[in-house]
Structure formats: C-alpha cells, structure tokens
Amino acid sequence: MSVAMNVNDETTDSDGTYRVGRLRCGFLELIECFGEPLLSQDYGKVDFEWVIEFTNGVVLTVYNWKNGPSAGVQGPITQWNIGGRSVNDLNILRDILPESMEVCSA
C-alpha cells in the first residue's frame, strides 16, 4: 500500500499527541521507512523522533523514551513509542510497515 506522507516537516503540528502505541524494530529499519530522525533536545528522555503527517491529516510520532544514549542505556533501541491523537490511527502504520515491525496498542 502506498501512502503519501511528510516526515519531519517543520510545519507539521504534533502538539496534542500522546502515546497511543508501541513499535518493535531497529533504528535502521525506521531510517529505511522514514529517513533520518529529528535529534531531540529533551535530554535524558528522547534521543530520536520522527514526526509523520499523512495526507488525510493524521499526525503520528515515533520516538524512544528513556531507553537510549542520553538516558545512559547501552545497546540498540528496539522499543519505540508511537504518539498520536487516536489509537485508531495505529492502523495506518500497520498498513504501511513491514510485518517484521510489530505495532501494538499502548
């Protein structure tokens, strides 16, 4: 399924999103899907974030939370949080991501 989206566009408003789900995959898999992440200024909590806006207006964020280098955690990040405005929006990611990238509700 091909879905048009903007990733890390500075005009995308992600205010009001909250954790609606989780994603299991590696950092490089996310880069393959969404390109380079934004580097967070939220030291100790978030290291990497993707802000994704779909053509239907849905905005989702994918980010790590207190499990990366700035939190002193060693090793690869394989557990990511998904932010959104509705848990129903997780279906968009389920439709576009490979099955190997497990999307779960929060």
C-alpha atoms as a PDB file:
ATOM      1  CA  MET A   1       0.000   0.000   0.000  1.00  0.00           C
ATOM      2  CA  SER A   2       1.387   3.398  -0.950  1.00  0.00           C
ATOM      3  CA  VAL A   3       0.512   6.236   1.408  1.00  0.00           C
ATOM      4  CA  ALA A   4       1.645   9.812   0.877  1.00  0.00           C
ATOM      5  CA  MET A   5       3.216  11.414   3.918  1.00  0.00           C
ATOM      6  CA  ASN A   6       5.513  14.200   5.047  1.00  0.00           C
ATOM      7  CA  VAL A   7       8.194  13.257   7.541  1.00  0.00           C
ATOM      8  CA  ASN A   8       9.883  15.748   9.861  1.00  0.00           C
ATOM      9  CA  ASP A   9       8.372  18.750   8.092  1.00  0.00           C
ATOM     10  CA  GLU A  10       8.797  21.683  10.476  1.00  0.00           C
ATOM     11  CA  THR A  11       5.274  22.915   9.664  1.00  0.00           C
ATOM     12  CA  THR A  12       3.639  19.716  10.981  1.00  0.00           C
ATOM     13  CA  ASP A  13       1.903  20.300  14.312  1.00  0.00           C
ATOM     14  CA  SER A  14       2.382  17.369  16.675  1.00  0.00           C
ATOM     15  CA  ASP A  15       1.017  19.227  19.723  1.00  0.00           C
ATOM     16  CA  GLY A  16      -1.671  17.241  21.482  1.00  0.00           C
ATOM     17  CA  THR A  17      -0.271  13.846  20.541  1.00  0.00           C
ATOM     18  CA  TYR A  18       0.194  11.289  23.288  1.00  0.00           C
ATOM     19  CA  ARG A  19       1.439   7.718  23.450  1.00  0.00           C
ATOM     20  CA  VAL A  20      -1.089   5.532  21.681  1.00  0.00           C
ATOM     21  CA  GLY A  21       1.125   2.564  20.896  1.00  0.00           C
ATOM     22  CA  ARG A  22       4.486   0.858  20.701  1.00  0.00           C
ATOM     23  CA  LEU A  23       6.655  -0.292  17.859  1.00  0.00           C
ATOM     24  CA  ARG A  24       9.254  -3.077  17.959  1.00  0.00           C
ATOM     25  CA  CYS A  25      12.035  -2.695  15.427  1.00  0.00           C
ATOM     26  CA  GLY A  26      15.564  -1.480  14.975  1.00  0.00           C
ATOM     27  CA  PHE A  27      16.808   2.048  14.396  1.00  0.00           C
ATOM     28  CA  LEU A  28      17.987   1.274  10.867  1.00  0.00           C
ATOM     29  CA  GLU A  29      14.569  -0.153   9.943  1.00  0.00           C
ATOM     30  CA  LEU A  30      12.986   3.164  10.942  1.00  0.00           C
ATOM     31  CA  ILE A  31      15.508   5.093   8.871  1.00  0.00           C
ATOM     32  CA  GLU A  32      14.647   2.893   5.866  1.00  0.00           C
ATOM     33  CA  CYS A  33      10.955   3.706   6.289  1.00  0.00           C
ATOM     34  CA  PHE A  34      11.026   7.358   7.338  1.00  0.00           C
ATOM     35  CA  GLY A  35      14.511   8.745   6.696  1.00  0.00           C
ATOM     36  CA  GLU A  36      16.753  10.404   9.249  1.00  0.00           C
ATOM     37  CA  PRO A  37      15.156  11.264  12.606  1.00  0.00           C
ATOM     38  CA  LEU A  38      14.988  14.581  14.356  1.00  0.00           C
ATOM     39  CA  LEU A  39      17.505  14.769  17.168  1.00  0.00           C
ATOM     40  CA  SER A  40      15.739  15.651  20.383  1.00  0.00           C
ATOM     41  CA  GLN A  41      16.602  18.452  22.760  1.00  0.00           C
ATOM     42  CA  ASP A  42      14.769  16.578  25.538  1.00  0.00           C
ATOM     43  CA  TYR A  43      17.958  15.230  27.071  1.00  0.00           C
ATOM     44  CA  GLY A  44      17.602  12.134  29.210  1.00  0.00           C
ATOM     45  CA  LYS A  45      14.196  11.239  27.791  1.00  0.00           C
ATOM     46  CA  VAL A  46      14.059  11.268  23.971  1.00  0.00           C
ATOM     47  CA  ASP A  47      17.007  10.847  21.611  1.00  0.00           C
ATOM     48  CA  PHE A  48      15.335  10.332  18.227  1.00  0.00           C
ATOM     49  CA  GLU A  49      11.935  11.260  16.836  1.00  0.00           C
ATOM     50  CA  TRP A  50      10.074  11.096  13.541  1.00  0.00           C
ATOM     51  CA  VAL A  51       7.021  13.337  13.033  1.00  0.00           C
ATOM     52  CA  ILE A  52       4.862  11.880  10.275  1.00  0.00           C
ATOM     53  CA  GLU A  53       1.884  13.640   8.681  1.00  0.00           C
ATOM     54  CA  PHE A  54      -0.308  11.682   6.283  1.00  0.00           C
ATOM     55  CA  THR A  55      -2.354  13.244   3.509  1.00  0.00           C
ATOM     56  CA  ASN A  56      -5.570  12.529   5.447  1.00  0.00           C
ATOM     57  CA  GLY A  57      -4.320  14.872   8.217  1.00  0.00           C
ATOM     58  CA  VAL A  58      -3.326  12.178  10.708  1.00  0.00           C
ATOM     59  CA  VAL A  59      -0.123  13.021  12.580  1.00  0.00           C
ATOM     60  CA  LEU A  60       1.904  10.299  14.293  1.00  0.00           C
ATOM     61  CA  THR A  61       5.239  10.492  16.063  1.00  0.00           C
ATOM     62  CA  VAL A  62       7.719   7.666  16.581  1.00  0.00           C
ATOM     63  CA  TYR A  63      10.253   8.204  19.359  1.00  0.00           C
ATOM     64  CA  ASN A  64      12.305   6.482  22.016  1.00  0.00           C
ATOM     65  CA  TRP A  65      11.555   7.260  25.664  1.00  0.00           C
ATOM     66  CA  LYS A  66      14.247   6.968  28.319  1.00  0.00           C
ATOM     67  CA  ASN A  67      15.837   3.946  26.652  1.00  0.00           C
ATOM     68  CA  GLY A  68      18.650   5.497  24.641  1.00  0.00           C
ATOM     69  CA  PRO A  69      22.107   7.020  24.986  1.00  0.00           C
ATOM     70  CA  SER A  70      21.008  10.232  26.738  1.00  0.00           C
ATOM     71  CA  ALA A  71      19.404   8.123  29.484  1.00  0.00           C
ATOM     72  CA  GLY A  72      22.642   6.152  29.857  1.00  0.00           C
ATOM     73  CA  VAL A  73      21.222   2.991  28.283  1.00  0.00           C
ATOM     74  CA  GLN A  74      23.738   0.980  26.278  1.00  0.00           C
ATOM     75  CA  GLY A  75      22.885  -1.112  23.241  1.00  0.00           C
ATOM     76  CA  PRO A  76      20.456  -0.765  20.366  1.00  0.00           C
ATOM     77  CA  ILE A  77      16.989   0.739  20.770  1.00  0.00           C
ATOM     78  CA  THR A  78      14.351  -1.785  19.715  1.00  0.00           C
ATOM     79  CA  GLN A  79      11.316  -0.466  21.619  1.00  0.00           C
ATOM     80  CA  TRP A  80       9.771   2.761  20.285  1.00  0.00           C
ATOM     81  CA  ASN A  81       6.714   4.758  21.297  1.00  0.00           C
ATOM     82  CA  ILE A  82       4.060   5.921  18.863  1.00  0.00           C
ATOM     83  CA  GLY A  83       2.342   9.210  19.584  1.00  0.00           C
ATOM     84  CA  GLY A  84      -0.940  10.215  18.024  1.00  0.00           C
ATOM     85  CA  ARG A  85      -4.329  11.732  18.697  1.00  0.00           C
ATOM     86  CA  SER A  86      -6.268   8.442  18.475  1.00  0.00           C
ATOM     87  CA  VAL A  87      -5.384   4.796  18.987  1.00  0.00           C
ATOM     88  CA  ASN A  88      -7.292   4.102  15.755  1.00  0.00           C
ATOM     89  CA  ASP A  89      -4.544   5.896  13.819  1.00  0.00           C
ATOM     90  CA  LEU A  90      -2.198   2.974  14.539  1.00  0.00           C
ATOM     91  CA  ASN A  91      -3.892   1.149  11.677  1.00  0.00           C
ATOM     92  CA  ILE A  92      -2.142   3.455   9.204  1.00  0.00           C
ATOM     93  CA  LEU A  93       1.244   2.250  10.443  1.00  0.00           C
ATOM     94  CA  ARG A  94       0.078  -1.364  10.481  1.00  0.00           C
ATOM     95  CA  ASP A  95      -0.895  -0.975   6.823  1.00  0.00           C
ATOM     96  CA  ILE A  96       2.366   0.571   5.615  1.00  0.00           C
ATOM     97  CA  LEU A  97       5.076  -1.027   7.742  1.00  0.00           C
ATOM     98  CA  PRO A  98       6.536  -4.474   7.113  1.00  0.00           C
ATOM     99  CA  GLU A  99       5.114  -7.247   9.299  1.00  0.00           C
ATOM    100  CA  SER A 100       8.508  -7.602  10.961  1.00  0.00           C
ATOM    101  CA  MET A 101       7.901  -4.198  12.581  1.00  0.00           C
ATOM    102  CA  GLU A 102       5.378  -5.020  15.303  1.00  0.00           C
ATOM    103  CA  VAL A 103       2.825  -2.262  16.072  1.00  0.00           C
ATOM    104  CA  CYS A 104       0.962  -2.653  19.393  1.00  0.00           C
ATOM    105  CA  SER A 105      -1.570  -0.533  21.276  1.00  0.00           C
ATOM    106  CA  ALA A 106      -0.270   1.299  24.361  1.00  0.00           C
END
